[in-house]
Amino acid sequence: MVSTNITWHHGAYTREERQKELNQKGLTIWFTGLSASGKSTLASALEQHLISLKIAAYRLDGDNIRFGLNKDLGFGPAARTENIRRIAEVAKLFADSTQIAITAFISPYISDRESARELHKQANVPFIEVFADAPLSVVEERDPKGLYKKAKSGEIKEFTGISAPYEAPLNPEIHIHTDKVTIEEGVE
């Protein structure tokens, strides 16, 4: 059911005033890639690096979000789209508050990532797509959670890269071949 009796409540500060007072502009850095491609590792290292520079940043991780905000969602196509829609809204709010919102989500569909980008564009909030790219053979070898093995045995249904599609970004702002760089090089 769609809410109809709501009105946006403007705060005491405009975005520009917050940026001036906090000496920082917000944006969203959206990591996408297969499971075990290095998204979360890079996002975590980037968050740590930015905070060490006294830049306000917060990492929103796919697994962590599914423990709370999106715990009611499954992994079918419609649920994946809703998962990304919700996190795009949250990331936009963080970025609007002058934080650097760093997301690490498989986000397998180009259309969902484009919707996230468009949401940010409409709000005049910068959006940077980062493709954490590693070949399927590499991510299967890494497989820290044993998910590819379970997917191939049929234990996990609709697993991205095995029994569900992953649509690689066509023009990401940043393309990191995570099988060819160190974490430090990726953050740089």
N, C-alpha and C. Protein backbone atom coordinates (compact mmCIF):
# COMPACT_ATOMS: atom_id res chain seq x y z
N MET A 1 0.84 -1.17 0.00
CA MET A 1 0.00 0.00 0.00
C MET A 1 0.89 1.25 0.00
N VAL A 2 0.58 2.20 -0.85
CA VAL A 2 1.35 3.42 -0.99
C VAL A 2 0.79 4.48 -0.04
N SER A 3 1.69 5.14 0.68
CA SER A 3 1.28 6.23 1.58
C SER A 3 0.88 7.44 0.75
N THR A 4 -0.23 8.05 1.13
CA THR A 4 -0.69 9.24 0.39
C THR A 4 -0.80 10.49 1.26
N ASN A 5 -0.98 10.32 2.54
CA ASN A 5 -1.17 11.47 3.43
C ASN A 5 0.12 11.84 4.12
N ILE A 6 1.16 12.09 3.32
CA ILE A 6 2.46 12.44 3.88
C ILE A 6 2.98 13.71 3.23
N THR A 7 3.82 14.43 3.96
CA THR A 7 4.44 15.65 3.46
C THR A 7 5.91 15.64 3.87
N TRP A 8 6.80 16.01 2.96
CA TRP A 8 8.22 16.07 3.27
C TRP A 8 8.46 17.19 4.27
N HIS A 9 9.19 16.91 5.34
CA HIS A 9 9.49 17.90 6.36
C HIS A 9 10.94 18.36 6.18
N HIS A 10 11.11 19.61 5.84
CA HIS A 10 12.45 20.17 5.66
C HIS A 10 13.07 20.45 7.01
N GLY A 11 14.36 20.16 7.13
CA GLY A 11 15.08 20.40 8.38
C GLY A 11 15.52 21.85 8.50
N ALA A 12 16.27 22.13 9.58
CA ALA A 12 16.72 23.49 9.85
C ALA A 12 17.84 23.93 8.90
N TYR A 13 18.54 22.95 8.32
CA TYR A 13 19.64 23.25 7.41
C TYR A 13 19.33 22.74 6.00
N THR A 14 19.74 23.50 5.03
CA THR A 14 19.72 23.00 3.66
C THR A 14 20.96 22.11 3.48
N ARG A 15 20.99 21.35 2.41
CA ARG A 15 22.17 20.52 2.13
C ARG A 15 23.42 21.40 2.02
N GLU A 16 23.29 22.53 1.34
CA GLU A 16 24.43 23.42 1.15
C GLU A 16 24.93 23.96 2.49
N GLU A 17 24.01 24.31 3.39
CA GLU A 17 24.40 24.80 4.72
C GLU A 17 25.10 23.70 5.53
N ARG A 18 24.58 22.46 5.46
CA ARG A 18 25.23 21.34 6.15
C ARG A 18 26.64 21.12 5.60
N GLN A 19 26.76 21.18 4.28
CA GLN A 19 28.07 20.98 3.65
C GLN A 19 29.06 22.03 4.14
N LYS A 20 28.61 23.26 4.21
CA LYS A 20 29.49 24.34 4.66
C LYS A 20 29.87 24.15 6.12
N GLU A 21 28.89 23.87 6.97
CA GLU A 21 29.15 23.71 8.41
C GLU A 21 30.04 22.51 8.71
N LEU A 22 29.84 21.41 7.97
CA LEU A 22 30.59 20.18 8.23
C LEU A 22 31.83 20.04 7.34
N ASN A 23 31.98 20.98 6.40
CA ASN A 23 33.14 20.99 5.51
C ASN A 23 33.29 19.67 4.74
N GLN A 24 32.16 19.17 4.25
CA GLN A 24 32.18 17.91 3.50
C GLN A 24 30.95 17.83 2.62
N LYS A 25 31.12 17.26 1.45
CA LYS A 25 30.00 16.99 0.55
C LYS A 25 29.75 15.49 0.55
N GLY A 26 28.48 15.12 0.54
CA GLY A 26 28.12 13.71 0.53
C GLY A 26 28.04 13.15 -0.88
N LEU A 27 28.18 11.84 -0.97
CA LEU A 27 28.01 11.12 -2.21
C LEU A 27 27.84 9.65 -1.89
N THR A 28 27.41 8.89 -2.89
CA THR A 28 27.28 7.45 -2.74
C THR A 28 28.30 6.77 -3.65
N ILE A 29 29.05 5.84 -3.08
CA ILE A 29 29.97 4.99 -3.83
C ILE A 29 29.35 3.60 -3.79
N TRP A 30 28.90 3.12 -4.96
CA TRP A 30 28.12 1.90 -5.07
C TRP A 30 28.98 0.77 -5.64
N PHE A 31 29.44 -0.14 -4.77
CA PHE A 31 30.20 -1.31 -5.22
C PHE A 31 29.24 -2.39 -5.68
N THR A 32 29.51 -2.96 -6.84
CA THR A 32 28.74 -4.07 -7.38
C THR A 32 29.70 -5.13 -7.90
N GLY A 33 29.25 -6.37 -7.88
CA GLY A 33 30.06 -7.47 -8.38
C GLY A 33 29.55 -8.78 -7.80
N LEU A 34 30.06 -9.87 -8.31
CA LEU A 34 29.66 -11.18 -7.83
C LEU A 34 30.02 -11.38 -6.36
N SER A 35 29.39 -12.35 -5.74
CA SER A 35 29.78 -12.75 -4.39
C SER A 35 31.25 -13.18 -4.43
N ALA A 36 32.02 -12.74 -3.46
CA ALA A 36 33.45 -13.02 -3.33
C ALA A 36 34.31 -12.28 -4.35
N SER A 37 33.74 -11.24 -4.98
CA SER A 37 34.53 -10.44 -5.93
C SER A 37 35.42 -9.42 -5.23
N GLY A 38 35.17 -9.18 -3.95
CA GLY A 38 35.97 -8.21 -3.20
C GLY A 38 35.23 -6.92 -2.86
N LYS A 39 33.94 -6.85 -3.16
CA LYS A 39 33.16 -5.64 -2.89
C LYS A 39 33.25 -5.22 -1.43
N SER A 40 32.87 -6.13 -0.54
CA SER A 40 32.83 -5.80 0.88
C SER A 40 34.21 -5.52 1.43
N THR A 41 35.19 -6.26 0.98
CA THR A 41 36.57 -6.05 1.42
C THR A 41 37.05 -4.66 1.03
N LEU A 42 36.83 -4.30 -0.22
CA LEU A 42 37.23 -2.97 -0.69
C LEU A 42 36.42 -1.87 0.00
N ALA A 43 35.12 -2.08 0.13
CA ALA A 43 34.26 -1.07 0.76
C ALA A 43 34.69 -0.83 2.21
N SER A 44 35.00 -1.89 2.91
CA SER A 44 35.45 -1.78 4.31
C SER A 44 36.79 -1.05 4.39
N ALA A 45 37.71 -1.41 3.51
CA ALA A 45 39.02 -0.76 3.51
C ALA A 45 38.90 0.72 3.12
N LEU A 46 38.00 1.03 2.18
CA LEU A 46 37.79 2.42 1.79
C LEU A 46 37.19 3.21 2.95
N GLU A 47 36.22 2.64 3.63
CA GLU A 47 35.62 3.30 4.80
C GLU A 47 36.70 3.60 5.84
N GLN A 48 37.51 2.62 6.12
CA GLN A 48 38.59 2.80 7.10
C GLN A 48 39.55 3.91 6.67
N HIS A 49 39.91 3.92 5.39
CA HIS A 49 40.82 4.94 4.86
C HIS A 49 40.20 6.34 4.98
N LEU A 50 38.95 6.48 4.57
CA LEU A 50 38.31 7.79 4.63
C LEU A 50 38.19 8.29 6.06
N ILE A 51 37.80 7.42 6.96
CA ILE A 51 37.66 7.83 8.37
C ILE A 51 39.02 8.22 8.94
N SER A 52 40.07 7.52 8.55
CA SER A 52 41.41 7.89 9.03
C SER A 52 41.80 9.28 8.56
N LEU A 53 41.20 9.72 7.45
CA LEU A 53 41.43 11.08 6.93
C LEU A 53 40.44 12.09 7.53
N LYS A 54 39.64 11.64 8.50
CA LYS A 54 38.62 12.46 9.16
C LYS A 54 37.49 12.86 8.21
N ILE A 55 37.18 11.95 7.28
CA ILE A 55 36.06 12.14 6.36
C ILE A 55 34.94 11.21 6.82
N ALA A 56 33.77 11.77 7.06
CA ALA A 56 32.64 10.98 7.55
C ALA A 56 32.17 10.03 6.45
N ALA A 57 32.24 8.74 6.74
CA ALA A 57 31.84 7.72 5.78
C ALA A 57 31.17 6.58 6.54
N TYR A 58 30.25 5.89 5.86
CA TYR A 58 29.60 4.74 6.47
C TYR A 58 29.34 3.70 5.39
N ARG A 59 29.67 2.45 5.72
CA ARG A 59 29.52 1.32 4.80
C ARG A 59 28.21 0.60 5.06
N LEU A 60 27.46 0.42 4.00
CA LEU A 60 26.22 -0.35 4.03
C LEU A 60 26.49 -1.63 3.25
N ASP A 61 26.52 -2.76 3.95
CA ASP A 61 26.89 -4.04 3.35
C ASP A 61 25.66 -4.91 3.12
N GLY A 62 25.66 -5.62 2.02
CA GLY A 62 24.52 -6.45 1.64
C GLY A 62 24.06 -7.41 2.71
N ASP A 63 24.98 -8.20 3.26
CA ASP A 63 24.60 -9.15 4.30
C ASP A 63 24.09 -8.43 5.54
N ASN A 64 24.79 -7.37 5.96
CA ASN A 64 24.40 -6.65 7.17
C ASN A 64 22.99 -6.05 7.05
N ILE A 65 22.67 -5.51 5.89
CA ILE A 65 21.35 -4.91 5.68
C ILE A 65 20.25 -5.97 5.76
N ARG A 66 20.55 -7.19 5.35
CA ARG A 66 19.55 -8.26 5.38
C ARG A 66 19.32 -8.81 6.80
N PHE A 67 20.12 -8.40 7.76
CA PHE A 67 19.85 -8.76 9.16
C PHE A 67 18.78 -7.86 9.76
N GLY A 68 18.55 -6.69 9.16
CA GLY A 68 17.60 -5.75 9.74
C GLY A 68 16.63 -5.20 8.72
N LEU A 69 16.99 -4.10 8.10
CA LEU A 69 16.10 -3.38 7.18
C LEU A 69 15.46 -4.29 6.14
N ASN A 70 16.22 -5.19 5.57
CA ASN A 70 15.71 -6.02 4.48
C ASN A 70 15.58 -7.50 4.85
N LYS A 71 15.38 -7.78 6.13
CA LYS A 71 15.27 -9.17 6.56
C LYS A 71 14.01 -9.85 6.07
N ASP A 72 13.06 -9.07 5.60
CA ASP A 72 11.81 -9.64 5.08
C ASP A 72 11.89 -10.00 3.60
N LEU A 73 13.06 -9.82 2.98
CA LEU A 73 13.18 -10.05 1.54
C LEU A 73 13.92 -11.35 1.23
N GLY A 74 13.49 -12.02 0.18
CA GLY A 74 14.17 -13.22 -0.31
C GLY A 74 15.18 -12.85 -1.38
N PHE A 75 15.44 -13.80 -2.28
CA PHE A 75 16.46 -13.59 -3.29
C PHE A 75 15.93 -13.75 -4.72
N GLY A 76 14.63 -13.80 -4.89
CA GLY A 76 14.06 -13.84 -6.23
C GLY A 76 14.22 -12.47 -6.90
N PRO A 77 13.94 -12.39 -8.19
CA PRO A 77 14.12 -11.13 -8.92
C PRO A 77 13.40 -9.93 -8.30
N ALA A 78 12.13 -10.08 -7.93
CA ALA A 78 11.39 -8.96 -7.36
C ALA A 78 11.96 -8.53 -6.01
N ALA A 79 12.36 -9.50 -5.19
CA ALA A 79 12.94 -9.18 -3.88
C ALA A 79 14.30 -8.51 -4.04
N ARG A 80 15.08 -8.94 -5.01
CA ARG A 80 16.38 -8.30 -5.26
C ARG A 80 16.19 -6.84 -5.67
N THR A 81 15.20 -6.60 -6.52
CA THR A 81 14.91 -5.23 -6.95
C THR A 81 14.49 -4.37 -5.76
N GLU A 82 13.63 -4.89 -4.90
CA GLU A 82 13.20 -4.14 -3.72
C GLU A 82 14.37 -3.91 -2.76
N ASN A 83 15.23 -4.89 -2.60
CA ASN A 83 16.43 -4.75 -1.76
C ASN A 83 17.26 -3.55 -2.23
N ILE A 84 17.50 -3.47 -3.51
CA ILE A 84 18.32 -2.39 -4.06
C ILE A 84 17.58 -1.06 -3.98
N ARG A 85 16.28 -1.06 -4.21
CA ARG A 85 15.51 0.18 -4.10
C ARG A 85 15.62 0.76 -2.70
N ARG A 86 15.44 -0.10 -1.70
CA ARG A 86 15.51 0.37 -0.30
C ARG A 86 16.90 0.91 0.03
N ILE A 87 17.92 0.18 -0.34
CA ILE A 87 19.27 0.62 0.03
C ILE A 87 19.66 1.88 -0.73
N ALA A 88 19.17 2.03 -1.96
CA ALA A 88 19.44 3.27 -2.70
C ALA A 88 18.84 4.46 -1.97
N GLU A 89 17.64 4.28 -1.43
CA GLU A 89 17.00 5.35 -0.66
C GLU A 89 17.81 5.69 0.60
N VAL A 90 18.27 4.67 1.30
CA VAL A 90 19.06 4.89 2.52
C VAL A 90 20.38 5.56 2.18
N ALA A 91 21.06 5.07 1.15
CA ALA A 91 22.35 5.66 0.75
C ALA A 91 22.16 7.12 0.36
N LYS A 92 21.08 7.42 -0.35
CA LYS A 92 20.81 8.81 -0.75
C LYS A 92 20.65 9.70 0.49
N LEU A 93 19.96 9.19 1.51
CA LEU A 93 19.79 9.98 2.74
C LEU A 93 21.12 10.21 3.44
N PHE A 94 21.95 9.18 3.52
CA PHE A 94 23.28 9.35 4.11
C PHE A 94 24.07 10.41 3.34
N ALA A 95 24.07 10.28 2.01
CA ALA A 95 24.83 11.22 1.18
C ALA A 95 24.27 12.63 1.30
N ASP A 96 22.96 12.75 1.38
CA ASP A 96 22.34 14.07 1.54
C ASP A 96 22.78 14.71 2.86
N SER A 97 23.08 13.88 3.86
CA SER A 97 23.50 14.40 5.17
C SER A 97 24.98 14.80 5.19
N THR A 98 25.66 14.69 4.08
CA THR A 98 27.08 14.99 3.84
C THR A 98 28.01 13.82 4.12
N GLN A 99 27.47 12.67 4.42
CA GLN A 99 28.30 11.47 4.61
C GLN A 99 28.70 10.90 3.25
N ILE A 100 29.77 10.12 3.24
CA ILE A 100 30.10 9.29 2.09
C ILE A 100 29.44 7.94 2.36
N ALA A 101 28.41 7.64 1.60
CA ALA A 101 27.72 6.35 1.74
C ALA A 101 28.43 5.37 0.82
N ILE A 102 28.94 4.29 1.41
CA ILE A 102 29.64 3.26 0.65
C ILE A 102 28.79 2.01 0.70
N THR A 103 28.29 1.57 -0.44
CA THR A 103 27.46 0.38 -0.46
C THR A 103 28.22 -0.78 -1.09
N ALA A 104 27.96 -1.98 -0.59
CA ALA A 104 28.56 -3.20 -1.15
C ALA A 104 27.44 -4.22 -1.33
N PHE A 105 26.89 -4.24 -2.54
CA PHE A 105 25.77 -5.11 -2.87
C PHE A 105 26.02 -5.77 -4.21
N ILE A 106 25.69 -7.05 -4.32
CA ILE A 106 25.82 -7.70 -5.61
C ILE A 106 25.07 -6.88 -6.64
N SER A 107 23.87 -6.45 -6.30
CA SER A 107 23.00 -5.66 -7.19
C SER A 107 23.13 -6.16 -8.63
N PRO A 108 22.57 -7.35 -8.90
CA PRO A 108 22.85 -8.04 -10.16
C PRO A 108 22.25 -7.45 -11.43
N TYR A 109 21.25 -6.59 -11.30
CA TYR A 109 20.55 -6.11 -12.49
C TYR A 109 20.94 -4.68 -12.85
N ILE A 110 21.29 -4.47 -14.10
CA ILE A 110 21.62 -3.13 -14.58
C ILE A 110 20.48 -2.17 -14.30
N SER A 111 19.25 -2.59 -14.54
CA SER A 111 18.10 -1.70 -14.36
C SER A 111 17.97 -1.22 -12.91
N ASP A 112 18.27 -2.08 -11.95
CA ASP A 112 18.19 -1.67 -10.54
C ASP A 112 19.28 -0.67 -10.19
N ARG A 113 20.49 -0.90 -10.71
CA ARG A 113 21.58 0.06 -10.45
C ARG A 113 21.30 1.39 -11.12
N GLU A 114 20.70 1.34 -12.31
CA GLU A 114 20.33 2.58 -12.99
C GLU A 114 19.22 3.31 -12.24
N SER A 115 18.30 2.57 -11.64
CA SER A 115 17.27 3.21 -10.81
C SER A 115 17.90 3.89 -9.60
N ALA A 116 18.88 3.23 -8.98
CA ALA A 116 19.59 3.83 -7.84
C ALA A 116 20.30 5.11 -8.28
N ARG A 117 20.95 5.04 -9.44
CA ARG A 117 21.64 6.22 -9.99
C ARG A 117 20.64 7.35 -10.25
N GLU A 118 19.50 7.02 -10.86
CA GLU A 118 18.49 8.02 -11.20
C GLU A 118 17.91 8.67 -9.94
N LEU A 119 17.69 7.89 -8.90
CA LEU A 119 17.21 8.41 -7.63
C LEU A 119 18.17 9.47 -7.09
N HIS A 120 19.46 9.17 -7.15
CA HIS A 120 20.48 10.12 -6.70
C HIS A 120 20.51 11.35 -7.61
N LYS A 121 20.42 11.13 -8.90
CA LYS A 121 20.44 12.23 -9.86
C LYS A 121 19.29 13.20 -9.60
N GLN A 122 18.08 12.65 -9.38
CA GLN A 122 16.92 13.50 -9.11
C GLN A 122 17.11 14.33 -7.85
N ALA A 123 17.86 13.82 -6.89
CA ALA A 123 18.12 14.54 -5.65
C ALA A 123 19.40 15.38 -5.72
N ASN A 124 20.04 15.37 -6.89
CA ASN A 124 21.30 16.11 -7.10
C ASN A 124 22.39 15.63 -6.13
N VAL A 125 22.45 14.31 -5.94
CA VAL A 125 23.43 13.68 -5.07
C VAL A 125 24.36 12.83 -5.94
N PRO A 126 25.68 13.05 -5.87
CA PRO A 126 26.61 12.28 -6.70
C PRO A 126 26.55 10.77 -6.41
N PHE A 127 26.70 9.99 -7.47
CA PHE A 127 26.62 8.53 -7.42
C PHE A 127 27.77 7.98 -8.25
N ILE A 128 28.60 7.16 -7.64
CA ILE A 128 29.75 6.56 -8.32
C ILE A 128 29.61 5.05 -8.27
N GLU A 129 29.50 4.44 -9.45
CA GLU A 129 29.40 2.99 -9.53
C GLU A 129 30.81 2.40 -9.65
N VAL A 130 31.11 1.43 -8.78
CA VAL A 130 32.40 0.75 -8.79
C VAL A 130 32.15 -0.73 -9.06
N PHE A 131 32.73 -1.23 -10.14
CA PHE A 131 32.59 -2.63 -10.52
C PHE A 131 33.78 -3.41 -9.95
N ALA A 132 33.51 -4.21 -8.92
CA ALA A 132 34.52 -5.12 -8.36
C ALA A 132 34.46 -6.38 -9.23
N ASP A 133 35.38 -6.47 -10.15
CA ASP A 133 35.33 -7.47 -11.20
C ASP A 133 36.37 -8.56 -10.99
N ALA A 134 35.92 -9.79 -10.93
CA ALA A 134 36.80 -10.95 -10.88
C ALA A 134 36.11 -12.07 -11.65
N PRO A 135 36.86 -12.87 -12.39
CA PRO A 135 36.25 -13.97 -13.14
C PRO A 135 35.56 -14.97 -12.22
N LEU A 136 34.56 -15.65 -12.76
CA LEU A 136 33.81 -16.64 -11.99
C LEU A 136 34.76 -17.68 -11.38
N SER A 137 35.76 -18.10 -12.13
CA SER A 137 36.70 -19.11 -11.61
C SER A 137 37.43 -18.60 -10.36
N VAL A 138 37.73 -17.31 -10.31
CA VAL A 138 38.43 -16.72 -9.16
C VAL A 138 37.49 -16.63 -7.96
N VAL A 139 36.26 -16.14 -8.17
CA VAL A 139 35.35 -15.99 -7.03
C VAL A 139 34.94 -17.36 -6.49
N GLU A 140 34.83 -18.35 -7.37
CA GLU A 140 34.52 -19.71 -6.90
C GLU A 140 35.68 -20.25 -6.07
N GLU A 141 36.89 -19.93 -6.46
CA GLU A 141 38.06 -20.38 -5.69
C GLU A 141 38.14 -19.68 -4.34
N ARG A 142 37.82 -18.38 -4.32
CA ARG A 142 37.83 -17.62 -3.06
C ARG A 142 36.73 -18.15 -2.14
N ASP A 143 35.51 -18.12 -2.60
CA ASP A 143 34.30 -18.62 -1.94
C ASP A 143 34.41 -18.77 -0.43
N PRO A 144 34.62 -17.67 0.32
CA PRO A 144 34.84 -17.77 1.76
C PRO A 144 33.66 -18.35 2.54
N LYS A 145 32.45 -18.24 2.00
CA LYS A 145 31.26 -18.74 2.70
C LYS A 145 30.80 -20.09 2.18
N GLY A 146 31.48 -20.61 1.15
CA GLY A 146 31.07 -21.90 0.58
C GLY A 146 29.79 -21.83 -0.22
N LEU A 147 29.41 -20.63 -0.68
CA LEU A 147 28.12 -20.44 -1.34
C LEU A 147 28.10 -20.99 -2.76
N TYR A 148 29.19 -20.85 -3.49
CA TYR A 148 29.20 -21.37 -4.87
C TYR A 148 29.06 -22.89 -4.86
N LYS A 149 29.74 -23.52 -3.93
CA LYS A 149 29.66 -24.99 -3.82
C LYS A 149 28.22 -25.40 -3.51
N LYS A 150 27.58 -24.69 -2.58
CA LYS A 150 26.19 -25.00 -2.24
C LYS A 150 25.25 -24.73 -3.41
N ALA A 151 25.51 -23.66 -4.15
CA ALA A 151 24.67 -23.33 -5.31
C ALA A 151 24.81 -24.40 -6.39
N LYS A 152 26.02 -24.84 -6.63
CA LYS A 152 26.24 -25.86 -7.66
C LYS A 152 25.63 -27.21 -7.27
N SER A 153 25.55 -27.47 -5.96
CA SER A 153 24.94 -28.73 -5.51
C SER A 153 23.42 -28.64 -5.42
N GLY A 154 22.88 -27.44 -5.63
CA GLY A 154 21.43 -27.25 -5.59
C GLY A 154 20.89 -26.84 -4.24
N GLU A 155 21.77 -26.69 -3.24
CA GLU A 155 21.32 -26.27 -1.90
C GLU A 155 20.81 -24.84 -1.88
N ILE A 156 21.41 -23.97 -2.69
CA ILE A 156 21.00 -22.57 -2.77
C ILE A 156 20.40 -22.33 -4.15
N LYS A 157 19.17 -21.88 -4.15
CA LYS A 157 18.47 -21.57 -5.39
C LYS A 157 18.68 -20.09 -5.73
N GLU A 158 18.61 -19.76 -6.99
CA GLU A 158 18.72 -18.38 -7.47
C GLU A 158 19.99 -17.69 -6.94
N PHE A 159 21.13 -18.37 -7.12
CA PHE A 159 22.39 -17.81 -6.69
C PHE A 159 23.06 -17.09 -7.85
N THR A 160 23.34 -15.81 -7.66
CA THR A 160 23.91 -14.97 -8.71
C THR A 160 25.23 -15.54 -9.23
N GLY A 161 25.30 -15.65 -10.55
CA GLY A 161 26.50 -16.16 -11.20
C GLY A 161 26.42 -17.64 -11.51
N ILE A 162 25.51 -18.35 -10.83
CA ILE A 162 25.34 -19.79 -11.06
C ILE A 162 23.95 -20.06 -11.62
N SER A 163 22.92 -19.85 -10.82
CA SER A 163 21.55 -20.13 -11.26
C SER A 163 20.70 -18.87 -11.40
N ALA A 164 21.32 -17.71 -11.20
CA ALA A 164 20.65 -16.42 -11.41
C ALA A 164 21.65 -15.50 -12.11
N PRO A 165 21.17 -14.59 -12.94
CA PRO A 165 22.09 -13.77 -13.74
C PRO A 165 22.78 -12.66 -12.95
N TYR A 166 23.95 -12.27 -13.46
CA TYR A 166 24.61 -11.03 -13.03
C TYR A 166 24.88 -10.23 -14.29
N GLU A 167 24.35 -9.04 -14.33
CA GLU A 167 24.54 -8.15 -15.48
C GLU A 167 25.63 -7.15 -15.12
N ALA A 168 26.80 -7.35 -15.71
CA ALA A 168 27.95 -6.49 -15.41
C ALA A 168 27.67 -5.06 -15.86
N PRO A 169 28.19 -4.08 -15.12
CA PRO A 169 28.01 -2.68 -15.51
C PRO A 169 28.60 -2.43 -16.90
N LEU A 170 27.93 -1.59 -17.66
CA LEU A 170 28.41 -1.25 -19.00
C LEU A 170 29.41 -0.10 -18.96
N ASN A 171 29.17 0.87 -18.09
CA ASN A 171 30.03 2.05 -18.00
C ASN A 171 30.22 2.51 -16.56
N PRO A 172 30.80 1.68 -15.70
CA PRO A 172 30.99 2.13 -14.32
C PRO A 172 32.02 3.25 -14.27
N GLU A 173 31.88 4.13 -13.30
CA GLU A 173 32.88 5.20 -13.14
C GLU A 173 34.24 4.60 -12.79
N ILE A 174 34.22 3.51 -12.02
CA ILE A 174 35.47 2.85 -11.62
C ILE A 174 35.32 1.35 -11.86
N HIS A 175 36.33 0.75 -12.50
CA HIS A 175 36.33 -0.68 -12.79
C HIS A 175 37.61 -1.26 -12.19
N ILE A 176 37.45 -2.07 -11.14
CA ILE A 176 38.61 -2.64 -10.45
C ILE A 176 38.64 -4.15 -10.70
N HIS A 177 39.70 -4.61 -11.31
CA HIS A 177 39.91 -6.05 -11.52
C HIS A 177 40.52 -6.59 -10.23
N THR A 178 39.67 -7.09 -9.35
CA THR A 178 40.12 -7.45 -8.00
C THR A 178 41.04 -8.67 -7.97
N ASP A 179 41.14 -9.38 -9.07
CA ASP A 179 42.07 -10.50 -9.13
C ASP A 179 43.47 -10.04 -9.55
N LYS A 180 43.60 -8.75 -9.86
CA LYS A 180 44.88 -8.23 -10.37
C LYS A 180 45.48 -7.12 -9.51
N VAL A 181 44.76 -6.70 -8.47
CA VAL A 181 45.27 -5.62 -7.60
C VAL A 181 45.17 -6.03 -6.13
N THR A 182 45.98 -5.39 -5.31
CA THR A 182 45.88 -5.59 -3.87
C THR A 182 44.71 -4.74 -3.35
N ILE A 183 44.35 -4.99 -2.11
CA ILE A 183 43.29 -4.18 -1.49
C ILE A 183 43.70 -2.72 -1.46
N GLU A 184 44.95 -2.46 -1.09
CA GLU A 184 45.45 -1.09 -1.02
C GLU A 184 45.38 -0.41 -2.38
N GLU A 185 45.76 -1.13 -3.44
CA GLU A 185 45.69 -0.57 -4.78
C GLU A 185 44.24 -0.30 -5.18
N GLY A 186 43.34 -1.18 -4.80
CA GLY A 186 41.93 -0.99 -5.09
C GLY A 186 41.37 0.24 -4.40
N VAL A 187 41.73 0.45 -3.16
CA VAL A 187 41.29 1.63 -2.42
C VAL A 187 41.84 2.90 -3.06
N GLU A 188 43.07 2.85 -3.47
CA GLU A 188 43.71 4.00 -4.11
C GLU A 188 42.98 4.36 -5.39
